[in-house]
């Protein structure tokens, strides 16, 4: 029973799991921001292309 109380392997695994989940959340947030910027950029390019074809 004493060995079981002093075993910290489960706590370490939980800590690593939390770190990985925070990294994943940061990556998802960054990718969403990049996607929004990219979408805006392609929208601007499309507008300029349509304007040049209408001239």
N, C-alpha and C. Protein backbone atom coordinates (compact mmCIF):
# COMPACT_ATOMS: atom_id res chain seq x y z
N UNK A 1 0.82 -1.20 0.00
CA UNK A 1 0.00 0.00 0.00
C UNK A 1 0.87 1.26 0.00
N UNK A 2 2.01 1.22 0.72
CA UNK A 2 2.90 2.38 0.76
C UNK A 2 3.47 2.68 -0.62
N UNK A 3 3.79 1.60 -1.37
CA UNK A 3 4.32 1.79 -2.73
C UNK A 3 3.29 2.50 -3.61
N UNK A 4 2.06 2.10 -3.44
CA UNK A 4 0.99 2.69 -4.25
C UNK A 4 0.81 4.17 -3.96
N UNK A 5 0.93 4.57 -2.70
CA UNK A 5 0.77 5.96 -2.32
C UNK A 5 1.92 6.84 -2.81
N UNK A 6 3.10 6.27 -2.96
CA UNK A 6 4.26 7.04 -3.40
C UNK A 6 4.52 6.95 -4.89
N UNK A 7 3.70 6.23 -5.60
CA UNK A 7 3.85 6.07 -7.05
C UNK A 7 3.35 7.34 -7.75
N UNK A 8 4.23 8.03 -8.48
CA UNK A 8 3.87 9.29 -9.15
C UNK A 8 3.78 9.15 -10.66
N UNK A 9 3.84 7.95 -11.18
CA UNK A 9 3.81 7.78 -12.63
C UNK A 9 2.49 8.27 -13.24
N UNK A 10 1.40 8.02 -12.58
CA UNK A 10 0.10 8.48 -13.09
C UNK A 10 0.01 10.00 -13.13
N UNK A 11 0.55 10.65 -12.11
CA UNK A 11 0.54 12.12 -12.07
C UNK A 11 1.37 12.70 -13.20
N UNK A 12 2.50 12.08 -13.48
CA UNK A 12 3.35 12.55 -14.58
C UNK A 12 2.63 12.40 -15.92
N UNK A 13 1.95 11.29 -16.10
CA UNK A 13 1.21 11.08 -17.35
C UNK A 13 0.12 12.13 -17.51
N UNK A 14 -0.56 12.45 -16.43
CA UNK A 14 -1.61 13.48 -16.49
C UNK A 14 -1.02 14.84 -16.83
N UNK A 15 0.13 15.16 -16.23
CA UNK A 15 0.79 16.44 -16.54
C UNK A 15 1.17 16.52 -18.00
N UNK A 16 1.74 15.45 -18.53
CA UNK A 16 2.10 15.44 -19.95
C UNK A 16 0.85 15.57 -20.82
N UNK A 17 -0.23 14.93 -20.43
CA UNK A 17 -1.48 15.04 -21.18
C UNK A 17 -2.00 16.46 -21.19
N UNK A 18 -1.91 17.16 -20.07
CA UNK A 18 -2.35 18.55 -20.01
C UNK A 18 -1.47 19.45 -20.88
N UNK A 19 -0.17 19.22 -20.86
CA UNK A 19 0.74 20.01 -21.68
C UNK A 19 0.42 19.81 -23.16
N UNK A 20 0.23 18.55 -23.56
CA UNK A 20 -0.09 18.26 -24.96
C UNK A 20 -1.41 18.90 -25.35
N UNK A 21 -2.40 18.86 -24.48
CA UNK A 21 -3.69 19.45 -24.82
C UNK A 21 -3.58 20.97 -24.98
N UNK A 22 -2.77 21.62 -24.16
CA UNK A 22 -2.57 23.06 -24.32
C UNK A 22 -1.86 23.39 -25.64
N UNK A 23 -0.90 22.56 -26.01
CA UNK A 23 -0.21 22.76 -27.28
C UNK A 23 -1.17 22.60 -28.44
N UNK A 24 -2.03 21.59 -28.38
CA UNK A 24 -3.01 21.35 -29.44
C UNK A 24 -3.98 22.53 -29.55
N UNK A 25 -4.43 23.05 -28.42
CA UNK A 25 -5.33 24.21 -28.44
C UNK A 25 -4.64 25.41 -29.08
N UNK A 26 -3.36 25.62 -28.77
CA UNK A 26 -2.61 26.73 -29.36
C UNK A 26 -2.47 26.55 -30.87
N UNK A 27 -2.22 25.33 -31.31
CA UNK A 27 -2.08 25.06 -32.74
C UNK A 27 -3.40 25.30 -33.47
N UNK A 28 -4.50 24.84 -32.88
CA UNK A 28 -5.81 25.03 -33.51
C UNK A 28 -6.14 26.52 -33.62
N UNK A 29 -5.86 27.27 -32.57
CA UNK A 29 -6.12 28.71 -32.59
C UNK A 29 -5.29 29.40 -33.66
N UNK A 30 -4.02 29.03 -33.76
CA UNK A 30 -3.15 29.63 -34.77
C UNK A 30 -3.62 29.28 -36.18
N UNK A 31 -4.04 28.04 -36.38
CA UNK A 31 -4.50 27.64 -37.71
C UNK A 31 -5.79 28.36 -38.09
N UNK A 32 -6.68 28.58 -37.14
CA UNK A 32 -7.91 29.33 -37.43
C UNK A 32 -7.58 30.77 -37.82
N UNK A 33 -6.65 31.37 -37.13
CA UNK A 33 -6.25 32.74 -37.45
C UNK A 33 -5.63 32.79 -38.85
N UNK A 34 -4.79 31.83 -39.16
CA UNK A 34 -4.17 31.76 -40.49
C UNK A 34 -5.23 31.56 -41.56
N UNK A 35 -6.21 30.71 -41.29
CA UNK A 35 -7.27 30.44 -42.27
C UNK A 35 -8.08 31.71 -42.53
N UNK A 36 -8.39 32.46 -41.49
CA UNK A 36 -9.14 33.70 -41.68
C UNK A 36 -8.35 34.70 -42.50
N UNK A 37 -7.06 34.83 -42.22
CA UNK A 37 -6.22 35.76 -42.98
C UNK A 37 -6.11 35.33 -44.43
N UNK A 38 -5.95 34.04 -44.64
CA UNK A 38 -5.83 33.52 -46.00
C UNK A 38 -7.13 33.73 -46.77
N UNK A 39 -8.24 33.50 -46.12
CA UNK A 39 -9.54 33.69 -46.76
C UNK A 39 -9.73 35.15 -47.17
N UNK A 40 -9.36 36.06 -46.27
CA UNK A 40 -9.46 37.48 -46.60
C UNK A 40 -8.57 37.85 -47.78
N UNK A 41 -7.36 37.32 -47.80
CA UNK A 41 -6.42 37.61 -48.88
C UNK A 41 -6.99 37.14 -50.22
N UNK A 42 -7.53 35.91 -50.26
CA UNK A 42 -8.07 35.40 -51.52
C UNK A 42 -9.32 36.17 -51.93
N UNK A 43 -10.07 36.68 -50.97
CA UNK A 43 -11.22 37.52 -51.30
C UNK A 43 -10.80 38.81 -51.98
N UNK A 44 -9.74 39.42 -51.48
CA UNK A 44 -9.20 40.65 -52.07
C UNK A 44 -8.69 40.38 -53.48
N UNK A 45 -7.99 39.28 -53.66
CA UNK A 45 -7.48 38.93 -54.99
C UNK A 45 -8.63 38.69 -55.96
N UNK A 46 -9.67 38.02 -55.50
CA UNK A 46 -10.82 37.77 -56.35
C UNK A 46 -11.49 39.08 -56.76
N UNK A 47 -11.65 40.01 -55.82
CA UNK A 47 -12.25 41.31 -56.14
C UNK A 47 -11.43 42.07 -57.17
N UNK A 48 -10.11 42.07 -57.00
CA UNK A 48 -9.25 42.79 -57.97
C UNK A 48 -9.30 42.13 -59.33
N UNK A 49 -9.37 40.81 -59.36
CA UNK A 49 -9.45 40.10 -60.64
C UNK A 49 -10.76 40.44 -61.35
N UNK A 50 -11.85 40.44 -60.61
CA UNK A 50 -13.14 40.77 -61.22
C UNK A 50 -13.18 42.20 -61.71
N UNK A 51 -12.55 43.13 -60.96
CA UNK A 51 -12.50 44.53 -61.38
C UNK A 51 -11.69 44.68 -62.66
N UNK A 52 -10.59 43.94 -62.77
CA UNK A 52 -9.75 44.06 -63.97
C UNK A 52 -10.45 43.47 -65.19
N UNK A 53 -11.28 42.46 -65.00
CA UNK A 53 -12.00 41.88 -66.12
C UNK A 53 -13.19 42.73 -66.56
N UNK A 54 -13.73 43.52 -65.66
CA UNK A 54 -14.87 44.39 -65.98
C UNK A 54 -14.43 45.70 -66.62
N UNK A 55 -13.16 46.02 -66.57
CA UNK A 55 -12.68 47.29 -67.11
C UNK A 55 -12.54 47.28 -68.60
